[in-house]
Amino acid sequence: MGIMTVSGPVAPEELGLTLTHEHIILDLRHHGYDGILDDVDLAIDELRPLEEAGCGAVVELSNEFMGRDVKALKRVSEETGLHIIASTGYYTEPYYPPRVYEWSTERLADLMVTELTEGIDGTGIRAGIIGEIGTSRDFISPAGERVFRSAARAHLRTGAAISTHTYLEQLIFDQLEILEDEGVEPGRIIIGHLGDLRDLDRLKAVAAKGVYLQIDHVGLEDRQLDLARAKTVGHLVRQGYVSQILLSMDVCFKSRLRRFGGTGYDHILRSFVPMLDAEGVTESEIRTVMFDNPQRVLAYDC
């Protein structure tokens, strides 16, 4: 069992502390200029403080039509010393290419498998996770269902974990219904963008399914105060779900970078982890969340 990084496979124990949902090179053009991260030198400068704070690895969930550039990611990894895991799949409908509407589910899965087993765009640099695949509000479109089913089939053929995008914690169980219908085990699924609301009963219901709960908007205090997120994590830990929690920041805008006055990627270690400590989350439990859980979910026979 190993973990596939942009520099090749590594043993799980080599990963170190891991942020499981970030963006380094990205093109969210629907959000305007703020949603474009395309300066590799700036990315290196921004990630160095994260490595210096003790982080060992970052999962980069920008897939093909989100501006993914695996050659740039490899350079960032080499310059910073961080392990970087690249992704395959399709994000949300505004970022779907024509092939999502034109190809069969199995053909879409074939391409994901190629990116996981052979490499991306002829580079030989392989993806190590399927994601982020997402839904918006109210319902999952036919194209969205096709993406989820193709992701499930790519997972079944490779073992790579699946990481999802939710909006306001909607459609979680709809996502799970599709993935489970295709035969994906819950322990290979990461449900993303949780913790922005304070519906603890819903989070416990999701946790009861056996999936990973990713609290990945740390630092986005226009959506939820970090103090409230820390309380949510503390509650889930006390309820016995420490082995299912993942943490990250989902940096995806220029305004969140240090260069532009934001908190930077290292905010989670400088500021949020002390909040967890204040909520009674022990050092051992923090290690489980930030070391052990990522290593377990990212590992497969690659």
Protein backbone atom coordinates (compact mmCIF):
# COMPACT_ATOMS: atom_id res chain seq x y z
CA MET A 1 0.00 0.00 0.00
CA GLY A 2 1.30 3.42 -0.90
CA ILE A 3 0.29 6.99 -1.60
CA MET A 4 0.74 8.42 -5.09
CA THR A 5 2.31 11.89 -5.14
CA VAL A 6 3.37 14.02 -8.10
CA SER A 7 6.91 12.72 -7.52
CA GLY A 8 5.85 9.09 -7.36
CA PRO A 9 4.63 6.66 -4.70
CA VAL A 10 5.59 7.06 -1.05
CA ALA A 11 4.91 4.92 2.00
CA PRO A 12 2.00 6.22 4.10
CA GLU A 13 4.25 6.93 7.08
CA GLU A 14 6.36 9.27 4.91
CA LEU A 15 3.46 11.65 4.37
CA GLY A 16 3.49 13.41 7.72
CA LEU A 17 0.87 15.97 8.71
CA THR A 18 -1.48 16.36 5.76
CA LEU A 19 -4.02 18.93 4.55
CA THR A 20 -6.55 16.95 2.52
CA HIS A 21 -8.32 19.64 0.49
CA GLU A 22 -6.30 22.50 -0.97
CA HIS A 23 -5.67 24.28 -4.27
CA ILE A 24 -2.28 25.48 -5.44
CA ILE A 25 -2.66 26.03 -9.20
CA LEU A 26 -6.27 26.81 -10.05
CA ASP A 27 -8.60 28.50 -12.53
CA LEU A 28 -12.04 29.23 -11.09
CA ARG A 29 -12.76 31.84 -13.73
CA HIS A 30 -16.45 32.02 -12.82
CA HIS A 31 -15.32 33.75 -9.63
CA GLY A 32 -13.32 36.39 -11.49
CA TYR A 33 -9.66 37.29 -11.05
CA ASP A 34 -9.66 36.33 -7.38
CA GLY A 35 -10.30 32.71 -8.37
CA ILE A 36 -7.20 32.30 -10.52
CA LEU A 37 -4.00 30.98 -8.93
CA ASP A 38 -1.46 30.66 -11.72
CA ASP A 39 1.81 32.06 -10.32
CA VAL A 40 4.07 29.11 -9.52
CA ASP A 41 6.72 31.22 -7.78
CA LEU A 42 4.04 32.78 -5.60
CA ALA A 43 2.67 29.34 -4.77
CA ILE A 44 6.12 28.27 -3.62
CA ASP A 45 6.45 31.37 -1.44
CA GLU A 46 3.01 30.82 0.07
CA LEU A 47 3.55 27.14 0.84
CA ARG A 48 6.99 27.44 2.44
CA PRO A 49 5.54 28.74 5.76
CA LEU A 50 3.19 25.75 5.80
CA GLU A 51 6.10 23.32 5.48
CA GLU A 52 8.07 25.27 8.10
CA ALA A 53 5.08 25.01 10.47
CA GLY A 54 5.28 21.21 10.27
CA CYS A 55 3.10 20.17 7.34
CA GLY A 56 4.35 17.27 5.24
CA ALA A 57 1.76 16.88 2.49
CA VAL A 58 -1.05 18.62 0.62
CA VAL A 59 -3.85 17.07 -1.41
CA GLU A 60 -4.40 19.33 -4.44
CA LEU A 61 -7.97 18.84 -5.66
CA SER A 62 -7.86 20.99 -8.81
CA ASN A 63 -8.77 18.54 -11.55
CA GLU A 64 -8.51 18.92 -15.31
CA PHE A 65 -10.91 21.76 -16.06
CA MET A 66 -10.04 23.69 -12.89
CA GLY A 67 -6.65 24.76 -14.24
CA ARG A 68 -4.72 21.68 -13.13
CA ASP A 69 -1.00 21.82 -13.98
CA VAL A 70 0.85 18.79 -12.67
CA LYS A 71 4.24 19.94 -13.96
CA ALA A 72 3.84 23.08 -11.87
CA LEU A 73 2.77 21.00 -8.88
CA LYS A 74 5.87 18.85 -9.19
CA ARG A 75 8.07 21.96 -9.21
CA VAL A 76 6.25 23.30 -6.14
CA SER A 77 6.80 19.97 -4.40
CA GLU A 78 10.50 19.96 -5.22
CA GLU A 79 11.00 23.57 -4.12
CA THR A 80 9.05 23.32 -0.85
CA GLY A 81 9.71 19.73 0.22
CA LEU A 82 5.97 19.07 0.51
CA HIS A 83 4.45 15.87 -0.82
CA ILE A 84 1.65 16.88 -3.21
CA ILE A 85 -1.14 14.54 -4.30
CA ALA A 86 -2.81 15.48 -7.61
CA SER A 87 -6.38 14.63 -8.59
CA THR A 88 -8.53 13.32 -11.40
CA GLY A 89 -12.23 13.76 -12.09
CA TYR A 90 -14.65 16.62 -12.80
CA TYR A 91 -15.68 19.37 -10.38
CA THR A 92 -19.19 20.88 -10.79
CA GLU A 93 -21.36 21.53 -13.82
CA PRO A 94 -19.99 25.00 -14.74
CA TYR A 95 -16.60 23.29 -15.15
CA TYR A 96 -17.71 20.21 -17.07
CA PRO A 97 -16.12 19.74 -20.50
CA PRO A 98 -18.27 18.54 -23.43
CA ARG A 99 -17.08 14.97 -22.90
CA VAL A 100 -19.10 14.68 -19.66
CA TYR A 101 -22.27 15.09 -21.74
CA GLU A 102 -21.05 13.07 -24.72
CA TRP A 103 -19.11 10.12 -23.33
CA SER A 104 -20.44 7.05 -21.60
CA THR A 105 -19.93 6.56 -17.89
CA GLU A 106 -17.44 3.78 -18.56
CA ARG A 107 -15.39 5.87 -21.00
CA LEU A 108 -15.13 8.70 -18.46
CA ALA A 109 -14.00 6.14 -15.89
CA ASP A 110 -11.37 4.87 -18.35
CA LEU A 111 -9.78 8.33 -18.56
CA MET A 112 -9.70 8.68 -14.77
CA VAL A 113 -8.07 5.26 -14.51
CA THR A 114 -5.46 6.30 -17.07
CA GLU A 115 -4.63 9.41 -15.03
CA LEU A 116 -4.35 7.30 -11.89
CA THR A 117 -2.28 4.47 -13.35
CA GLU A 118 -0.28 5.90 -16.26
CA GLY A 119 -0.15 9.68 -15.92
CA ILE A 120 -1.81 12.97 -16.76
CA ASP A 121 -1.54 14.55 -20.22
CA GLY A 122 1.43 12.41 -21.21
CA THR A 123 3.60 13.64 -18.31
CA GLY A 124 3.88 10.36 -16.45
CA ILE A 125 2.78 12.27 -13.32
CA ARG A 126 -0.07 10.30 -11.81
CA ALA A 127 -3.12 11.38 -9.87
CA GLY A 128 -3.46 9.93 -6.37
CA ILE A 129 -7.10 10.70 -5.60
CA ILE A 130 -10.44 11.12 -7.40
CA GLY A 131 -11.91 14.55 -6.72
CA GLU A 132 -13.14 16.99 -6.06
CA ILE A 133 -16.37 15.84 -7.64
CA GLY A 134 -19.28 18.00 -6.66
CA THR A 135 -22.94 18.80 -6.44
CA SER A 136 -24.66 22.16 -6.04
CA ARG A 137 -28.17 22.59 -4.61
CA ASP A 138 -31.53 20.87 -4.64
CA PHE A 139 -30.80 17.95 -7.00
CA ILE A 140 -28.04 16.07 -8.81
CA SER A 141 -28.23 16.56 -12.57
CA PRO A 142 -27.95 13.63 -15.01
CA ALA A 143 -24.44 14.79 -15.94
CA GLY A 144 -23.52 15.05 -12.28
CA GLU A 145 -24.74 11.52 -11.65
CA ARG A 146 -22.63 10.32 -14.59
CA VAL A 147 -19.54 11.90 -13.03
CA PHE A 148 -20.22 10.26 -9.67
CA ARG A 149 -20.78 6.87 -11.26
CA SER A 150 -17.65 7.15 -13.39
CA ALA A 151 -15.65 8.17 -10.31
CA ALA A 152 -17.00 5.15 -8.45
CA ARG A 153 -15.99 2.81 -11.26
CA ALA A 154 -12.53 4.35 -11.48
CA HIS A 155 -12.21 3.83 -7.72
CA LEU A 156 -13.25 0.18 -7.96
CA ARG A 157 -10.59 -0.42 -10.63
CA THR A 158 -7.77 1.36 -8.77
CA GLY A 159 -8.56 1.70 -5.06
CA ALA A 160 -8.02 5.48 -5.04
CA ALA A 161 -10.22 7.39 -2.60
CA ILE A 162 -13.06 9.68 -3.73
CA SER A 163 -13.32 13.25 -2.39
CA THR A 164 -16.57 15.15 -2.88
CA HIS A 165 -17.68 18.78 -2.91
CA THR A 166 -20.93 19.76 -1.22
CA TYR A 167 -22.69 23.12 -1.09
CA LEU A 168 -24.15 24.14 2.27
CA GLU A 169 -23.99 20.46 3.25
CA GLN A 170 -26.79 19.62 0.80
CA LEU A 171 -27.16 16.35 -1.15
CA ILE A 172 -24.68 14.42 1.00
CA PHE A 173 -26.88 11.37 1.22
CA ASP A 174 -27.73 11.63 -2.49
CA GLN A 175 -23.99 11.52 -3.25
CA LEU A 176 -23.58 8.50 -0.99
CA GLU A 177 -26.56 6.72 -2.52
CA ILE A 178 -24.93 6.85 -5.97
CA LEU A 179 -21.48 5.84 -4.78
CA GLU A 180 -22.78 3.01 -2.62
CA ASP A 181 -25.03 1.83 -5.47
CA GLU A 182 -21.86 1.42 -7.53
CA GLY A 183 -20.23 -0.59 -4.74
CA VAL A 184 -17.90 1.96 -3.12
CA GLU A 185 -17.13 1.21 0.52
CA PRO A 186 -17.90 4.17 2.84
CA GLY A 187 -14.37 4.15 4.23
CA ARG A 188 -13.04 5.18 0.81
CA ILE A 189 -15.27 8.29 0.59
CA ILE A 190 -14.43 11.79 1.83
CA ILE A 191 -17.38 14.18 2.12
CA GLY A 192 -16.10 17.71 1.67
CA HIS A 193 -17.00 21.20 2.88
CA LEU A 194 -18.57 20.23 6.18
CA GLY A 195 -18.59 22.39 9.29
CA ASP A 196 -19.92 25.62 7.76
CA LEU A 197 -23.27 24.99 9.40
CA ARG A 198 -23.91 23.91 12.99
CA ASP A 199 -26.28 21.01 12.40
CA LEU A 200 -24.48 18.51 14.60
CA ASP A 201 -27.21 15.91 14.23
CA ARG A 202 -26.69 15.91 10.45
CA LEU A 203 -22.93 15.55 10.84
CA LYS A 204 -23.39 12.63 13.23
CA ALA A 205 -25.78 11.00 10.75
CA VAL A 206 -23.14 11.37 8.04
CA ALA A 207 -20.45 9.99 10.35
CA ALA A 208 -22.68 7.03 11.14
CA LYS A 209 -22.43 6.03 7.47
CA GLY A 210 -18.72 5.34 8.00
CA VAL A 211 -17.34 7.99 5.63
CA TYR A 212 -14.72 10.66 6.33
CA LEU A 213 -16.01 14.09 7.41
CA GLN A 214 -13.81 16.82 5.99
CA ILE A 215 -13.89 20.13 7.85
CA ASP A 216 -12.03 21.98 5.12
CA HIS A 217 -13.05 25.65 5.18
CA VAL A 218 -10.82 26.58 8.12
CA GLY A 219 -10.06 30.29 7.79
CA LEU A 220 -13.20 31.09 5.76
CA GLU A 221 -14.83 33.04 8.53
CA ASP A 222 -17.38 34.70 6.28
CA ARG A 223 -18.99 31.25 6.17
CA GLN A 224 -18.41 30.12 9.75
CA LEU A 225 -16.23 31.31 12.63
CA ASP A 226 -13.22 29.10 13.21
CA LEU A 227 -14.12 29.00 16.90
CA ALA A 228 -17.44 27.39 15.92
CA ARG A 229 -15.62 24.94 13.63
CA ALA A 230 -13.30 24.01 16.49
CA LYS A 231 -16.31 23.37 18.72
CA THR A 232 -17.80 21.15 16.00
CA VAL A 233 -14.60 19.13 15.74
CA GLY A 234 -14.42 18.83 19.51
CA HIS A 235 -18.02 17.60 19.62
CA LEU A 236 -17.40 14.97 16.92
CA VAL A 237 -14.27 13.78 18.70
CA ARG A 238 -16.16 13.41 21.97
CA GLN A 239 -18.87 11.46 20.12
CA GLY A 240 -16.27 8.91 19.05
CA TYR A 241 -15.66 9.96 15.45
CA VAL A 242 -12.01 11.03 15.74
CA SER A 243 -10.90 8.39 13.22
CA GLN A 244 -13.22 9.86 10.54
CA ILE A 245 -12.30 13.56 10.67
CA LEU A 246 -10.07 15.37 8.17
CA LEU A 247 -9.01 19.03 8.26
CA SER A 248 -8.01 21.52 5.60
CA MET A 249 -8.49 25.12 4.41
CA ASP A 250 -9.59 24.90 0.74
CA VAL A 251 -7.46 27.90 -0.26
CA CYS A 252 -8.85 28.82 -3.68
CA PHE A 253 -8.72 32.62 -3.90
CA LYS A 254 -5.88 35.13 -4.17
CA SER A 255 -7.42 37.04 -1.29
CA ARG A 256 -6.65 34.13 1.05
CA LEU A 257 -2.91 34.23 0.30
CA ARG A 258 -0.49 36.10 2.54
CA ARG A 259 0.65 38.20 -0.41
CA PHE A 260 -2.85 39.67 -0.71
CA GLY A 261 -3.56 40.10 2.99
CA GLY A 262 -5.07 36.69 3.70
CA THR A 263 -4.26 34.16 6.41
CA GLY A 264 -2.08 31.92 4.24
CA TYR A 265 -2.02 28.12 4.15
CA ASP A 266 -0.31 27.85 7.54
CA HIS A 267 -3.24 29.47 9.40
CA ILE A 268 -4.62 26.04 10.19
CA LEU A 269 -1.50 25.13 12.17
CA ARG A 270 -0.76 28.55 13.65
CA SER A 271 -4.31 29.43 14.72
CA PHE A 272 -6.82 26.60 14.34
CA VAL A 273 -4.95 23.78 16.04
CA PRO A 274 -4.61 25.90 19.22
CA MET A 275 -8.39 26.38 19.11
CA LEU A 276 -8.81 22.59 19.04
CA ASP A 277 -6.52 22.34 22.06
CA ALA A 278 -8.70 24.88 23.87
CA GLU A 279 -11.74 22.72 23.04
CA GLY A 280 -10.13 19.77 24.80
CA VAL A 281 -8.96 17.90 21.70
CA THR A 282 -5.81 16.15 22.85
CA GLU A 283 -2.46 16.10 21.08
CA SER A 284 -2.99 12.41 20.35
CA GLU A 285 -6.42 13.10 18.83
CA ILE A 286 -5.04 15.93 16.69
CA ARG A 287 -2.36 13.55 15.47
CA THR A 288 -5.05 11.02 14.54
CA VAL A 289 -6.94 13.65 12.54
CA MET A 290 -3.98 15.27 10.77
CA PHE A 291 -1.53 12.35 10.41
CA ASP A 292 -3.21 8.98 10.72
CA ASN A 293 -6.55 9.58 8.99
CA PRO A 294 -5.07 11.11 5.80
CA GLN A 295 -2.49 8.32 5.56
CA ARG A 296 -5.21 5.70 5.87
CA VAL A 297 -7.65 7.14 3.34
CA LEU A 298 -5.02 8.12 0.75
CA ALA A 299 -3.28 4.73 0.75
CA TYR A 300 -4.08 2.12 -1.89
CA ASP A 301 -2.26 -0.41 -4.04
CA CYS A 302 -0.76 2.10 -6.44
